[in-house]
Amino acid sequence: MATSVERESDGTVTEYDEVAVDGDRVERLTTELFRDHWAAILVGPVIEGAAWEIRFTAPPSVSMLDGYLTVDTGPWHFHLCVNDHRGTPGPERARRRRVARAAFFRTTGGSCVPGSWGLRLWNGHGEQMVTVYFPNPWLDDRLQPVREPRWERTELWEGLRRAYAGSPGA
C-alpha cells in the first residue's frame, strides 16, 4: 500500500492508502460498498465549505452501464465513472471523467471528532468525485459522540482497505 500524508492548516492530518485504479478494481470496490454495506456508510462530496453526508435508509439499486456505476434510491440517484467509458467524444474526455485516483484515508485531529475513516475518489482533473465515510469509533449509529471509542467500528474500513489497497492483482 502506498501511503501519503497531508497536513491541513487546522492541524488535521490525513493518511492515504492508494487503490490502483486500472482495470475493474474501483468498480468492484464501489459496487461492494453500495450493494453490501449501504447501511453502514455515509456518502457525498466533501469540499472546502461544503460536506454532503448522505445516509441510505434502504438498499439502493446498483447497476453499471458504459463505465458508470449508478446508485439509485428511487427518489434520487447518482452516477460515478468507475471504469472505461466509451460514450464520450474522445478518449481524453473519457479519461478525465473516470476515477483517476482512489484512496482509503484516516484523519486525526479536526474539530468534530478525533478521527475519521473513509474512501475518496478523484477524477482525471484531480477533482473530488465522492467521499465515503465508514463507521466511526467515536460516534454511535445515530452519529452521536461516545465517551469511549468502539474500535470494532473500524473493521469494515480495515477489511476493505486490506482487500482493495493491497497489490494490484487483488
N, C-alpha and C. Protein backbone atom coordinates (compact mmCIF):
# COMPACT_ATOMS: atom_id res chain seq x y z
N MET A 1 0.84 -1.18 0.00
CA MET A 1 0.00 0.00 0.00
C MET A 1 0.88 1.24 0.00
N ALA A 2 0.63 2.12 -0.94
CA ALA A 2 1.35 3.39 -0.97
C ALA A 2 0.64 4.34 -0.02
N THR A 3 1.38 4.93 0.90
CA THR A 3 0.79 5.84 1.87
C THR A 3 1.35 7.23 1.66
N SER A 4 0.45 8.22 1.67
CA SER A 4 0.87 9.61 1.65
C SER A 4 0.18 10.31 2.81
N VAL A 5 0.75 11.43 3.24
CA VAL A 5 0.22 12.16 4.37
C VAL A 5 0.04 13.62 3.97
N GLU A 6 -1.14 14.17 4.31
CA GLU A 6 -1.41 15.59 4.09
C GLU A 6 -1.71 16.24 5.42
N ARG A 7 -1.12 17.41 5.65
CA ARG A 7 -1.36 18.18 6.87
C ARG A 7 -2.07 19.47 6.50
N GLU A 8 -3.22 19.70 7.16
CA GLU A 8 -4.02 20.89 6.90
C GLU A 8 -3.65 22.00 7.88
N SER A 9 -3.99 23.22 7.54
CA SER A 9 -3.66 24.38 8.39
C SER A 9 -4.36 24.32 9.74
N ASP A 10 -5.49 23.57 9.85
CA ASP A 10 -6.20 23.47 11.13
C ASP A 10 -5.64 22.37 12.04
N GLY A 11 -4.57 21.71 11.60
CA GLY A 11 -3.96 20.65 12.39
C GLY A 11 -4.41 19.26 12.02
N THR A 12 -5.40 19.13 11.15
CA THR A 12 -5.87 17.81 10.72
C THR A 12 -4.79 17.12 9.89
N VAL A 13 -4.57 15.86 10.18
CA VAL A 13 -3.61 15.06 9.42
C VAL A 13 -4.41 13.94 8.75
N THR A 14 -4.22 13.77 7.43
CA THR A 14 -4.89 12.71 6.69
C THR A 14 -3.85 11.78 6.08
N GLU A 15 -3.97 10.50 6.38
CA GLU A 15 -3.11 9.47 5.79
C GLU A 15 -3.91 8.76 4.71
N TYR A 16 -3.33 8.63 3.52
CA TYR A 16 -3.99 7.98 2.39
C TYR A 16 -3.29 6.68 2.03
N ASP A 17 -4.07 5.62 1.81
CA ASP A 17 -3.59 4.36 1.25
C ASP A 17 -4.20 4.24 -0.13
N GLU A 18 -3.38 4.33 -1.16
CA GLU A 18 -3.84 4.38 -2.54
C GLU A 18 -4.41 3.04 -3.00
N VAL A 19 -5.41 3.13 -3.87
CA VAL A 19 -6.03 1.98 -4.51
C VAL A 19 -5.69 2.07 -5.99
N ALA A 20 -5.19 1.00 -6.58
CA ALA A 20 -4.91 1.00 -8.01
C ALA A 20 -6.21 1.23 -8.77
N VAL A 21 -6.18 2.13 -9.77
CA VAL A 21 -7.42 2.47 -10.48
C VAL A 21 -7.53 1.82 -11.85
N ASP A 22 -6.51 1.09 -12.28
CA ASP A 22 -6.60 0.42 -13.57
C ASP A 22 -7.49 -0.81 -13.44
N GLY A 23 -7.98 -1.28 -14.57
CA GLY A 23 -8.86 -2.45 -14.55
C GLY A 23 -10.18 -2.16 -13.88
N ASP A 24 -10.76 -3.19 -13.26
CA ASP A 24 -12.10 -3.05 -12.68
C ASP A 24 -12.10 -2.97 -11.16
N ARG A 25 -10.95 -2.72 -10.54
CA ARG A 25 -10.85 -2.70 -9.08
C ARG A 25 -11.80 -1.68 -8.44
N VAL A 26 -11.83 -0.44 -8.95
CA VAL A 26 -12.69 0.59 -8.36
C VAL A 26 -14.16 0.23 -8.59
N GLU A 27 -14.46 -0.33 -9.74
CA GLU A 27 -15.84 -0.79 -9.99
C GLU A 27 -16.25 -1.84 -8.97
N ARG A 28 -15.38 -2.83 -8.73
CA ARG A 28 -15.70 -3.88 -7.76
C ARG A 28 -15.85 -3.31 -6.35
N LEU A 29 -14.95 -2.41 -5.97
CA LEU A 29 -15.00 -1.80 -4.64
C LEU A 29 -16.27 -0.99 -4.44
N THR A 30 -16.60 -0.11 -5.38
CA THR A 30 -17.79 0.72 -5.20
C THR A 30 -19.08 -0.10 -5.28
N THR A 31 -19.10 -1.11 -6.13
CA THR A 31 -20.27 -1.99 -6.19
C THR A 31 -20.46 -2.69 -4.86
N GLU A 32 -19.38 -3.22 -4.30
CA GLU A 32 -19.48 -3.88 -3.00
C GLU A 32 -19.94 -2.91 -1.92
N LEU A 33 -19.38 -1.72 -1.91
CA LEU A 33 -19.77 -0.72 -0.91
C LEU A 33 -21.26 -0.42 -0.93
N PHE A 34 -21.77 -0.08 -2.12
CA PHE A 34 -23.15 0.37 -2.21
C PHE A 34 -24.16 -0.77 -2.23
N ARG A 35 -23.75 -1.97 -2.65
CA ARG A 35 -24.65 -3.11 -2.66
C ARG A 35 -24.70 -3.80 -1.30
N ASP A 36 -23.53 -3.98 -0.65
CA ASP A 36 -23.45 -4.79 0.56
C ASP A 36 -23.34 -4.00 1.86
N HIS A 37 -22.84 -2.77 1.79
CA HIS A 37 -22.55 -2.03 3.02
C HIS A 37 -23.27 -0.69 3.08
N TRP A 38 -24.31 -0.51 2.29
CA TRP A 38 -25.04 0.75 2.19
C TRP A 38 -25.52 1.26 3.56
N ALA A 39 -25.90 0.37 4.46
CA ALA A 39 -26.45 0.80 5.75
C ALA A 39 -25.40 1.34 6.71
N ALA A 40 -24.13 1.02 6.45
CA ALA A 40 -23.07 1.40 7.38
C ALA A 40 -22.35 2.69 7.00
N ILE A 41 -22.57 3.19 5.78
CA ILE A 41 -21.75 4.29 5.28
C ILE A 41 -22.53 5.59 5.14
N LEU A 42 -21.78 6.67 5.08
CA LEU A 42 -22.28 7.99 4.68
C LEU A 42 -21.54 8.32 3.40
N VAL A 43 -22.18 9.04 2.48
CA VAL A 43 -21.56 9.30 1.19
C VAL A 43 -21.91 10.69 0.69
N GLY A 44 -21.00 11.29 -0.04
CA GLY A 44 -21.25 12.58 -0.67
C GLY A 44 -19.96 13.31 -0.94
N PRO A 45 -20.03 14.39 -1.69
CA PRO A 45 -18.83 15.20 -1.90
C PRO A 45 -18.50 15.99 -0.63
N VAL A 46 -17.23 16.08 -0.32
CA VAL A 46 -16.77 16.87 0.81
C VAL A 46 -15.67 17.78 0.29
N ILE A 47 -16.00 19.05 0.16
CA ILE A 47 -15.05 20.04 -0.33
C ILE A 47 -14.99 21.19 0.67
N GLU A 48 -14.01 22.05 0.53
CA GLU A 48 -13.90 23.18 1.44
C GLU A 48 -15.19 23.99 1.43
N GLY A 49 -15.83 24.07 2.58
CA GLY A 49 -17.05 24.84 2.70
C GLY A 49 -18.34 24.08 2.50
N ALA A 50 -18.28 22.80 2.13
CA ALA A 50 -19.50 22.02 1.93
C ALA A 50 -19.22 20.54 2.17
N ALA A 51 -20.09 19.91 2.93
CA ALA A 51 -19.98 18.47 3.17
C ALA A 51 -21.37 17.86 3.06
N TRP A 52 -21.53 16.96 2.10
CA TRP A 52 -22.78 16.22 1.93
C TRP A 52 -22.56 14.85 2.55
N GLU A 53 -23.21 14.58 3.67
CA GLU A 53 -23.07 13.30 4.34
C GLU A 53 -24.43 12.61 4.28
N ILE A 54 -24.62 11.84 3.21
CA ILE A 54 -25.91 11.22 2.92
C ILE A 54 -25.90 9.80 3.47
N ARG A 55 -26.97 9.46 4.19
CA ARG A 55 -27.13 8.12 4.74
C ARG A 55 -28.29 7.44 4.02
N PHE A 56 -28.08 6.22 3.62
CA PHE A 56 -29.13 5.44 2.96
C PHE A 56 -30.09 4.89 4.01
N THR A 57 -31.38 4.91 3.72
CA THR A 57 -32.38 4.36 4.64
C THR A 57 -32.95 3.03 4.13
N ALA A 58 -32.58 2.66 2.90
CA ALA A 58 -33.00 1.39 2.31
C ALA A 58 -31.93 1.00 1.29
N PRO A 59 -31.87 -0.27 0.94
CA PRO A 59 -30.85 -0.68 -0.03
C PRO A 59 -31.07 0.01 -1.37
N PRO A 60 -30.03 0.63 -1.92
CA PRO A 60 -30.17 1.24 -3.24
C PRO A 60 -30.03 0.18 -4.33
N SER A 61 -30.54 0.49 -5.50
CA SER A 61 -30.29 -0.32 -6.68
C SER A 61 -28.92 0.09 -7.21
N VAL A 62 -28.09 -0.89 -7.55
CA VAL A 62 -26.74 -0.61 -8.05
C VAL A 62 -26.60 -1.27 -9.42
N SER A 63 -26.20 -0.47 -10.41
CA SER A 63 -26.05 -1.00 -11.76
C SER A 63 -24.88 -0.35 -12.47
N MET A 64 -24.43 -0.97 -13.56
CA MET A 64 -23.32 -0.46 -14.37
C MET A 64 -23.78 -0.30 -15.80
N LEU A 65 -23.36 0.80 -16.44
CA LEU A 65 -23.60 1.00 -17.86
C LEU A 65 -22.48 1.88 -18.41
N ASP A 66 -21.74 1.35 -19.37
CA ASP A 66 -20.69 2.09 -20.07
C ASP A 66 -19.71 2.77 -19.11
N GLY A 67 -19.27 2.04 -18.10
CA GLY A 67 -18.28 2.54 -17.17
C GLY A 67 -18.84 3.31 -15.99
N TYR A 68 -20.13 3.63 -16.02
CA TYR A 68 -20.76 4.39 -14.94
C TYR A 68 -21.50 3.47 -13.98
N LEU A 69 -21.17 3.61 -12.69
CA LEU A 69 -21.91 2.96 -11.63
C LEU A 69 -23.06 3.89 -11.28
N THR A 70 -24.28 3.37 -11.26
CA THR A 70 -25.45 4.14 -10.84
C THR A 70 -25.94 3.58 -9.52
N VAL A 71 -26.10 4.46 -8.55
CA VAL A 71 -26.63 4.11 -7.24
C VAL A 71 -27.96 4.84 -7.14
N ASP A 72 -29.06 4.07 -7.11
CA ASP A 72 -30.41 4.65 -7.21
C ASP A 72 -31.23 4.28 -5.98
N THR A 73 -31.70 5.30 -5.27
CA THR A 73 -32.53 5.07 -4.08
C THR A 73 -34.02 5.13 -4.40
N GLY A 74 -34.37 5.49 -5.63
CA GLY A 74 -35.77 5.71 -6.00
C GLY A 74 -36.01 7.19 -6.20
N PRO A 75 -36.11 7.98 -5.11
CA PRO A 75 -36.34 9.41 -5.27
C PRO A 75 -35.13 10.16 -5.84
N TRP A 76 -33.92 9.62 -5.67
CA TRP A 76 -32.72 10.28 -6.19
C TRP A 76 -31.69 9.21 -6.53
N HIS A 77 -30.70 9.61 -7.32
CA HIS A 77 -29.63 8.70 -7.70
C HIS A 77 -28.38 9.51 -8.04
N PHE A 78 -27.26 8.80 -8.16
CA PHE A 78 -26.04 9.43 -8.64
C PHE A 78 -25.26 8.44 -9.49
N HIS A 79 -24.35 8.98 -10.29
CA HIS A 79 -23.51 8.20 -11.19
C HIS A 79 -22.05 8.48 -10.87
N LEU A 80 -21.22 7.46 -10.94
CA LEU A 80 -19.78 7.60 -10.79
C LEU A 80 -19.11 6.86 -11.94
N CYS A 81 -18.22 7.53 -12.64
CA CYS A 81 -17.48 6.88 -13.74
C CYS A 81 -16.31 6.11 -13.13
N VAL A 82 -16.51 4.80 -12.93
CA VAL A 82 -15.54 3.96 -12.23
C VAL A 82 -14.82 2.97 -13.14
N ASN A 83 -15.12 2.99 -14.44
CA ASN A 83 -14.46 2.09 -15.38
C ASN A 83 -14.44 2.77 -16.74
N ASP A 84 -13.92 2.07 -17.74
CA ASP A 84 -13.78 2.66 -19.07
C ASP A 84 -15.13 3.09 -19.63
N HIS A 85 -15.15 4.31 -20.17
CA HIS A 85 -16.36 4.92 -20.72
C HIS A 85 -16.14 5.20 -22.20
N ARG A 86 -17.06 4.73 -23.03
CA ARG A 86 -16.91 4.91 -24.48
C ARG A 86 -17.94 5.87 -25.08
N GLY A 87 -18.90 6.32 -24.29
CA GLY A 87 -19.97 7.16 -24.81
C GLY A 87 -19.63 8.63 -24.92
N THR A 88 -18.39 9.01 -24.66
CA THR A 88 -17.97 10.40 -24.70
C THR A 88 -17.12 10.64 -25.94
N PRO A 89 -17.32 11.79 -26.61
CA PRO A 89 -16.45 12.08 -27.75
C PRO A 89 -15.00 12.24 -27.31
N GLY A 90 -14.15 11.38 -27.77
CA GLY A 90 -12.73 11.48 -27.50
C GLY A 90 -12.26 10.76 -26.26
N PRO A 91 -11.14 10.04 -26.40
CA PRO A 91 -10.61 9.28 -25.27
C PRO A 91 -10.10 10.18 -24.14
N GLU A 92 -9.63 11.38 -24.44
CA GLU A 92 -9.13 12.27 -23.38
C GLU A 92 -10.26 12.69 -22.44
N ARG A 93 -11.39 12.99 -23.00
CA ARG A 93 -12.55 13.37 -22.17
C ARG A 93 -12.99 12.19 -21.30
N ALA A 94 -12.98 11.00 -21.86
CA ALA A 94 -13.34 9.81 -21.09
C ALA A 94 -12.35 9.60 -19.94
N ARG A 95 -11.05 9.82 -20.18
CA ARG A 95 -10.05 9.68 -19.12
C ARG A 95 -10.26 10.71 -18.01
N ARG A 96 -10.69 11.91 -18.36
CA ARG A 96 -10.92 12.94 -17.34
C ARG A 96 -12.12 12.59 -16.47
N ARG A 97 -13.11 11.90 -17.01
CA ARG A 97 -14.32 11.56 -16.26
C ARG A 97 -14.12 10.38 -15.32
N ARG A 98 -13.26 9.45 -15.71
CA ARG A 98 -13.06 8.21 -14.95
C ARG A 98 -12.27 8.48 -13.67
N VAL A 99 -12.50 7.64 -12.66
CA VAL A 99 -11.71 7.72 -11.44
C VAL A 99 -10.23 7.61 -11.81
N ALA A 100 -9.46 8.62 -11.44
CA ALA A 100 -8.02 8.63 -11.72
C ALA A 100 -7.21 8.38 -10.45
N ARG A 101 -7.85 8.59 -9.31
CA ARG A 101 -7.19 8.31 -8.03
C ARG A 101 -8.27 7.85 -7.05
N ALA A 102 -7.93 6.83 -6.29
CA ALA A 102 -8.80 6.32 -5.23
C ALA A 102 -7.92 6.02 -4.04
N ALA A 103 -8.38 6.39 -2.85
CA ALA A 103 -7.57 6.13 -1.67
C ALA A 103 -8.45 6.00 -0.43
N PHE A 104 -8.11 5.01 0.38
CA PHE A 104 -8.67 4.92 1.71
C PHE A 104 -7.94 5.94 2.56
N PHE A 105 -8.65 6.57 3.48
CA PHE A 105 -7.99 7.56 4.33
C PHE A 105 -8.40 7.42 5.78
N ARG A 106 -7.53 7.97 6.61
CA ARG A 106 -7.79 8.10 8.04
C ARG A 106 -7.32 9.47 8.45
N THR A 107 -8.19 10.23 9.10
CA THR A 107 -7.80 11.55 9.58
C THR A 107 -7.68 11.53 11.09
N THR A 108 -6.81 12.36 11.58
CA THR A 108 -6.70 12.61 13.01
C THR A 108 -6.71 14.12 13.20
N GLY A 109 -7.22 14.53 14.32
CA GLY A 109 -7.36 15.96 14.57
C GLY A 109 -8.69 16.43 14.02
N GLY A 110 -8.83 17.72 13.84
CA GLY A 110 -10.09 18.26 13.35
C GLY A 110 -10.99 18.66 14.48
N SER A 111 -12.14 19.19 14.15
CA SER A 111 -13.00 19.77 15.17
C SER A 111 -14.19 18.91 15.57
N CYS A 112 -14.68 18.04 14.71
CA CYS A 112 -15.91 17.28 15.01
C CYS A 112 -15.65 16.07 15.89
N VAL A 113 -14.76 15.22 15.47
CA VAL A 113 -14.40 14.01 16.20
C VAL A 113 -12.88 13.84 16.12
N PRO A 114 -12.29 13.05 17.02
CA PRO A 114 -10.84 12.89 16.99
C PRO A 114 -10.28 12.23 15.73
N GLY A 115 -11.13 11.60 14.94
CA GLY A 115 -10.66 10.94 13.73
C GLY A 115 -11.81 10.53 12.85
N SER A 116 -11.49 10.19 11.60
CA SER A 116 -12.50 9.65 10.68
C SER A 116 -11.81 8.67 9.73
N TRP A 117 -12.61 7.75 9.18
CA TRP A 117 -12.13 6.69 8.31
C TRP A 117 -12.99 6.70 7.05
N GLY A 118 -12.35 6.66 5.88
CA GLY A 118 -13.14 6.75 4.67
C GLY A 118 -12.42 6.31 3.42
N LEU A 119 -13.08 6.58 2.30
CA LEU A 119 -12.58 6.33 0.95
C LEU A 119 -12.90 7.57 0.14
N ARG A 120 -11.95 8.01 -0.66
CA ARG A 120 -12.17 9.18 -1.51
C ARG A 120 -11.79 8.83 -2.95
N LEU A 121 -12.60 9.33 -3.90
CA LEU A 121 -12.34 9.15 -5.33
C LEU A 121 -12.16 10.52 -5.99
N TRP A 122 -11.20 10.61 -6.92
CA TRP A 122 -10.96 11.83 -7.69
C TRP A 122 -11.01 11.50 -9.18
N ASN A 123 -11.44 12.45 -10.00
CA ASN A 123 -11.47 12.25 -11.45
C ASN A 123 -10.14 12.66 -12.08
N GLY A 124 -10.07 12.61 -13.40
CA GLY A 124 -8.86 12.93 -14.12
C GLY A 124 -8.46 14.39 -14.07
N HIS A 125 -9.32 15.26 -13.59
CA HIS A 125 -8.99 16.68 -13.37
C HIS A 125 -8.42 16.89 -11.97
N GLY A 126 -8.40 15.83 -11.14
CA GLY A 126 -7.97 15.97 -9.76
C GLY A 126 -9.06 16.49 -8.85
N GLU A 127 -10.30 16.51 -9.35
CA GLU A 127 -11.45 16.97 -8.57
C GLU A 127 -12.03 15.80 -7.79
N GLN A 128 -12.45 16.09 -6.56
CA GLN A 128 -13.06 15.04 -5.77
C GLN A 128 -14.42 14.68 -6.36
N MET A 129 -14.65 13.38 -6.53
CA MET A 129 -15.93 12.88 -7.02
C MET A 129 -16.85 12.53 -5.85
N VAL A 130 -16.30 11.85 -4.85
CA VAL A 130 -17.12 11.41 -3.72
C VAL A 130 -16.21 11.05 -2.54
N THR A 131 -16.76 11.21 -1.35
CA THR A 131 -16.13 10.70 -0.13
C THR A 131 -17.12 9.74 0.50
N VAL A 132 -16.61 8.61 0.94
CA VAL A 132 -17.42 7.63 1.67
C VAL A 132 -16.86 7.57 3.08
N TYR A 133 -17.71 7.82 4.07
CA TYR A 133 -17.31 7.69 5.46
C TYR A 133 -17.78 6.35 6.00
N PHE A 134 -16.89 5.67 6.70
CA PHE A 134 -17.18 4.38 7.31
C PHE A 134 -17.57 4.60 8.78
N PRO A 135 -18.12 3.56 9.43
CA PRO A 135 -18.46 3.70 10.84
C PRO A 135 -17.26 4.23 11.64
N ASN A 136 -17.56 5.14 12.55
CA ASN A 136 -16.54 5.84 13.29
C ASN A 136 -16.59 5.38 14.76
N PRO A 137 -15.44 5.00 15.33
CA PRO A 137 -15.45 4.53 16.71
C PRO A 137 -15.80 5.62 17.72
N TRP A 138 -15.76 6.86 17.32
CA TRP A 138 -16.07 7.98 18.21
C TRP A 138 -17.54 8.39 18.13
N LEU A 139 -18.33 7.71 17.27
CA LEU A 139 -19.74 8.03 17.10
C LEU A 139 -20.58 6.76 17.21
N ASP A 140 -21.82 6.90 17.68
CA ASP A 140 -22.73 5.76 17.69
C ASP A 140 -23.49 5.71 16.36
N ASP A 141 -24.44 4.81 16.24
CA ASP A 141 -25.18 4.66 14.99
C ASP A 141 -26.05 5.86 14.65
N ARG A 142 -26.35 6.69 15.65
CA ARG A 142 -27.13 7.92 15.40
C ARG A 142 -26.20 9.12 15.16
N LEU A 143 -24.88 8.82 15.04
CA LEU A 143 -23.84 9.82 14.81
C LEU A 143 -23.65 10.76 15.99
N GLN A 144 -23.95 10.24 17.18
CA GLN A 144 -23.74 11.00 18.41
C GLN A 144 -22.41 10.58 19.03
N PRO A 145 -21.67 11.52 19.62
CA PRO A 145 -20.38 11.19 20.24
C PRO A 145 -20.54 10.18 21.39
N VAL A 146 -19.54 9.33 21.53
CA VAL A 146 -19.49 8.36 22.61
C VAL A 146 -18.32 8.71 23.53
N ARG A 147 -18.41 8.28 24.79
CA ARG A 147 -17.35 8.60 25.76
C ARG A 147 -16.07 7.82 25.47
N GLU A 148 -16.23 6.54 25.18
CA GLU A 148 -15.09 5.66 24.90
C GLU A 148 -15.21 5.15 23.48
N PRO A 149 -14.11 5.20 22.71
CA PRO A 149 -14.19 4.72 21.32
C PRO A 149 -14.47 3.22 21.25
N ARG A 150 -15.22 2.84 20.23
CA ARG A 150 -15.53 1.43 19.96
C ARG A 150 -14.74 1.05 18.70
N TRP A 151 -13.53 0.54 18.90
CA TRP A 151 -12.60 0.31 17.80
C TRP A 151 -13.09 -0.77 16.83
N GLU A 152 -14.01 -1.63 17.25
CA GLU A 152 -14.55 -2.64 16.31
C GLU A 152 -15.29 -1.97 15.16
N ARG A 153 -15.67 -0.71 15.32
CA ARG A 153 -16.37 0.00 14.24
C ARG A 153 -15.46 0.30 13.05
N THR A 154 -14.16 0.09 13.18
CA THR A 154 -13.25 0.30 12.04
C THR A 154 -13.05 -0.98 11.23
N GLU A 155 -13.68 -2.08 11.63
CA GLU A 155 -13.46 -3.37 10.96
C GLU A 155 -13.83 -3.35 9.47
N LEU A 156 -14.93 -2.73 9.10
CA LEU A 156 -15.32 -2.66 7.69
C LEU A 156 -14.26 -1.91 6.89
N TRP A 157 -13.85 -0.76 7.36
CA TRP A 157 -12.80 0.04 6.70
C TRP A 157 -11.51 -0.77 6.57
N GLU A 158 -11.09 -1.40 7.67
CA GLU A 158 -9.85 -2.19 7.67
C GLU A 158 -9.93 -3.33 6.65
N GLY A 159 -11.05 -4.05 6.64
CA GLY A 159 -11.20 -5.19 5.74
C GLY A 159 -11.18 -4.78 4.27
N LEU A 160 -11.92 -3.74 3.93
CA LEU A 160 -11.95 -3.28 2.53
C LEU A 160 -10.61 -2.67 2.13
N ARG A 161 -9.97 -1.95 3.04
CA ARG A 161 -8.66 -1.38 2.76
C ARG A 161 -7.64 -2.48 2.47
N ARG A 162 -7.66 -3.54 3.28
CA ARG A 162 -6.75 -4.67 3.04
C ARG A 162 -7.04 -5.32 1.69
N ALA A 163 -8.33 -5.48 1.37
CA ALA A 163 -8.72 -6.18 0.13
C ALA A 163 -8.43 -5.35 -1.12
N TYR A 164 -8.61 -4.04 -1.07
CA TYR A 164 -8.53 -3.24 -2.28
C TYR A 164 -7.32 -2.33 -2.38
N ALA A 165 -6.67 -1.99 -1.29
CA ALA A 165 -5.49 -1.13 -1.37
C ALA A 165 -4.22 -1.95 -1.33
N GLY A 166 -4.38 -3.26 -1.46
CA GLY A 166 -3.23 -4.15 -1.48
C GLY A 166 -2.59 -4.18 -2.86
N SER A 167 -2.04 -5.29 -3.22
CA SER A 167 -1.34 -5.42 -4.50
C SER A 167 -2.35 -5.29 -5.67
N PRO A 168 -1.87 -4.78 -6.83
CA PRO A 168 -2.78 -4.55 -7.97
C PRO A 168 -3.54 -5.78 -8.44
N GLY A 169 -3.05 -6.98 -8.21
CA GLY A 169 -3.74 -8.18 -8.66
C GLY A 169 -4.89 -8.60 -7.77
N ALA A 170 -5.09 -7.91 -6.65
CA ALA A 170 -6.12 -8.31 -5.68
C ALA A 170 -7.51 -8.14 -6.22
